[in-house]
Amino acid sequence: MDIVSSMLDLMRRLPPTKIEENVDALTQISPDYADDLSGNVDQPLKLRVDRATGKEYLACVYNQDGESYRCVTPPSLPAGLRRRCGSVGWGGPV
């Protein structure tokens, strides 16, 4: 069994409420496999606020640029639809 497979097997056995902490710990132990691990483990979306514009954006792997994130704002949605989308992981607090 290779290292990435072992790390993924370990992630399956660890509590899902601590996904971010566990991924961070494993990437500190084996930084060479950080991309492989983060590419195979689903992590919750984070909603952050751009300091310059005050707009919310999603901080995820797809808009990450090194240690920072490119500010890609989600589309403007009506409040009712945004609430429904927030319940499935898109949109954040209303």
C-alpha atoms as a PDB file:
ATOM      1  CA  MET A   1       0.000   0.000   0.000  1.00  0.00           C
ATOM      2  CA  ASP A   2       1.442   3.372  -0.951  1.00  0.00           C
ATOM      3  CA  ILE A   3       1.568   6.417   1.335  1.00  0.00           C
ATOM      4  CA  VAL A   4      -1.373   8.273  -0.252  1.00  0.00           C
ATOM      5  CA  SER A   5      -3.601   5.194   0.030  1.00  0.00           C
ATOM      6  CA  SER A   6      -2.614   4.840   3.679  1.00  0.00           C
ATOM      7  CA  MET A   7      -3.385   8.502   4.341  1.00  0.00           C
ATOM      8  CA  LEU A   8      -6.790   8.193   2.659  1.00  0.00           C
ATOM      9  CA  ASP A   9      -7.540   5.031   4.627  1.00  0.00           C
ATOM     10  CA  LEU A  10      -6.675   6.884   7.829  1.00  0.00           C
ATOM     11  CA  MET A  11      -8.913   9.811   6.838  1.00  0.00           C
ATOM     12  CA  ARG A  12     -11.840   7.389   6.421  1.00  0.00           C
ATOM     13  CA  ARG A  13     -11.365   6.239  10.019  1.00  0.00           C
ATOM     14  CA  LEU A  14     -10.994   9.687  11.595  1.00  0.00           C
ATOM     15  CA  PRO A  15     -13.984  11.793  12.682  1.00  0.00           C
ATOM     16  CA  PRO A  16     -15.535  13.667   9.742  1.00  0.00           C
ATOM     17  CA  THR A  17     -16.140  16.723  11.940  1.00  0.00           C
ATOM     18  CA  LYS A  18     -12.372  17.338  12.034  1.00  0.00           C
ATOM     19  CA  ILE A  19     -11.553  16.943   8.344  1.00  0.00           C
ATOM     20  CA  GLU A  20      -9.602  20.208   8.066  1.00  0.00           C
ATOM     21  CA  GLU A  21      -7.533  19.538  11.186  1.00  0.00           C
ATOM     22  CA  ASN A  22      -6.737  15.983  10.092  1.00  0.00           C
ATOM     23  CA  VAL A  23      -5.744  17.005   6.561  1.00  0.00           C
ATOM     24  CA  ASP A  24      -3.513  19.761   7.975  1.00  0.00           C
ATOM     25  CA  ALA A  25      -1.866  17.310  10.370  1.00  0.00           C
ATOM     26  CA  LEU A  26      -1.202  14.756   7.641  1.00  0.00           C
ATOM     27  CA  THR A  27       0.192  17.374   5.254  1.00  0.00           C
ATOM     28  CA  GLN A  28       2.574  18.557   7.982  1.00  0.00           C
ATOM     29  CA  ILE A  29       3.776  14.990   8.449  1.00  0.00           C
ATOM     30  CA  SER A  30       4.156  14.344   4.699  1.00  0.00           C
ATOM     31  CA  PRO A  31       4.279  17.675   2.830  1.00  0.00           C
ATOM     32  CA  ASP A  32       5.313  15.953  -0.424  1.00  0.00           C
ATOM     33  CA  TYR A  33       1.856  14.348  -0.616  1.00  0.00           C
ATOM     34  CA  ALA A  34      -0.211  17.423   0.313  1.00  0.00           C
ATOM     35  CA  ASP A  35      -1.573  17.950  -3.220  1.00  0.00           C
ATOM     36  CA  ASP A  36      -2.531  14.290  -3.594  1.00  0.00           C
ATOM     37  CA  LEU A  37      -4.275  14.256  -0.233  1.00  0.00           C
ATOM     38  CA  SER A  38      -6.152  17.539  -0.652  1.00  0.00           C
ATOM     39  CA  GLY A  39      -7.201  16.490  -4.153  1.00  0.00           C
ATOM     40  CA  ASN A  40      -8.793  13.293  -2.853  1.00  0.00           C
ATOM     41  CA  VAL A  41     -10.429  14.510   0.360  1.00  0.00           C
ATOM     42  CA  ASP A  42     -13.581  16.624   0.184  1.00  0.00           C
ATOM     43  CA  GLN A  43     -13.373  19.586   2.530  1.00  0.00           C
ATOM     44  CA  PRO A  44     -16.171  21.935   3.554  1.00  0.00           C
ATOM     45  CA  LEU A  45     -16.508  25.223   1.697  1.00  0.00           C
ATOM     46  CA  LYS A  46     -15.442  28.379   3.532  1.00  0.00           C
ATOM     47  CA  LEU A  47     -17.104  31.724   3.046  1.00  0.00           C
ATOM     48  CA  ARG A  48     -14.746  34.680   3.534  1.00  0.00           C
ATOM     49  CA  VAL A  49     -15.033  38.448   3.090  1.00  0.00           C
ATOM     50  CA  ASP A  50     -12.781  40.465   0.789  1.00  0.00           C
ATOM     51  CA  ARG A  51     -11.291  43.243   2.931  1.00  0.00           C
ATOM     52  CA  ALA A  52     -11.055  45.698   0.039  1.00  0.00           C
ATOM     53  CA  THR A  53     -14.607  45.353  -1.312  1.00  0.00           C
ATOM     54  CA  GLY A  54     -16.492  43.812   1.609  1.00  0.00           C
ATOM     55  CA  LYS A  55     -17.914  41.138  -0.712  1.00  0.00           C
ATOM     56  CA  GLU A  56     -18.194  37.493   0.277  1.00  0.00           C
ATOM     57  CA  TYR A  57     -16.345  34.823  -1.695  1.00  0.00           C
ATOM     58  CA  LEU A  58     -15.740  31.099  -1.487  1.00  0.00           C
ATOM     59  CA  ALA A  59     -12.306  30.066  -0.267  1.00  0.00           C
ATOM     60  CA  CYS A  60     -11.717  26.671  -1.844  1.00  0.00           C
ATOM     61  CA  VAL A  61      -9.075  24.733  -3.733  1.00  0.00           C
ATOM     62  CA  TYR A  62     -10.404  25.940  -7.087  1.00  0.00           C
ATOM     63  CA  ASN A  63      -9.649  29.609  -6.391  1.00  0.00           C
ATOM     64  CA  GLN A  64      -6.558  29.084  -4.228  1.00  0.00           C
ATOM     65  CA  ASP A  65      -3.341  30.693  -5.400  1.00  0.00           C
ATOM     66  CA  GLY A  66      -0.539  29.544  -3.111  1.00  0.00           C
ATOM     67  CA  GLU A  67      -1.401  30.651   0.420  1.00  0.00           C
ATOM     68  CA  SER A  68      -4.090  33.110  -0.666  1.00  0.00           C
ATOM     69  CA  TYR A  69      -7.375  32.960  -2.535  1.00  0.00           C
ATOM     70  CA  ARG A  70      -8.526  34.770  -5.638  1.00  0.00           C
ATOM     71  CA  CYS A  71     -11.728  36.601  -4.814  1.00  0.00           C
ATOM     72  CA  VAL A  72     -14.357  34.946  -6.983  1.00  0.00           C
ATOM     73  CA  THR A  73     -17.759  36.023  -5.732  1.00  0.00           C
ATOM     74  CA  PRO A  74     -20.722  33.672  -5.987  1.00  0.00           C
ATOM     75  CA  PRO A  75     -23.558  34.848  -8.223  1.00  0.00           C
ATOM     76  CA  SER A  76     -26.167  37.156  -6.732  1.00  0.00           C
ATOM     77  CA  LEU A  77     -29.143  35.067  -5.724  1.00  0.00           C
ATOM     78  CA  PRO A  78     -32.533  36.015  -4.314  1.00  0.00           C
ATOM     79  CA  ALA A  79     -32.659  35.497  -0.520  1.00  0.00           C
ATOM     80  CA  GLY A  80     -35.019  32.497  -0.660  1.00  0.00           C
ATOM     81  CA  LEU A  81     -32.920  30.667  -3.213  1.00  0.00           C
ATOM     82  CA  ARG A  82     -29.739  31.568  -1.352  1.00  0.00           C
ATOM     83  CA  ARG A  83     -31.151  30.027   1.842  1.00  0.00           C
ATOM     84  CA  ARG A  84     -31.893  26.794  -0.001  1.00  0.00           C
ATOM     85  CA  CYS A  85     -28.449  26.773  -1.599  1.00  0.00           C
ATOM     86  CA  GLY A  86     -26.830  27.452   1.783  1.00  0.00           C
ATOM     87  CA  SER A  87     -28.377  24.270   3.139  1.00  0.00           C
ATOM     88  CA  VAL A  88     -26.423  22.248   0.560  1.00  0.00           C
ATOM     89  CA  GLY A  89     -23.143  24.092   0.977  1.00  0.00           C
ATOM     90  CA  TRP A  90     -23.436  27.125  -1.339  1.00  0.00           C
ATOM     91  CA  GLY A  91     -24.274  30.639  -0.291  1.00  0.00           C
ATOM     92  CA  GLY A  92     -23.415  30.827   3.403  1.00  0.00           C
ATOM     93  CA  PRO A  93     -25.413  32.825   5.933  1.00  0.00           C
ATOM     94  CA  VAL A  94     -28.183  35.103   4.776  1.00  0.00           C
END
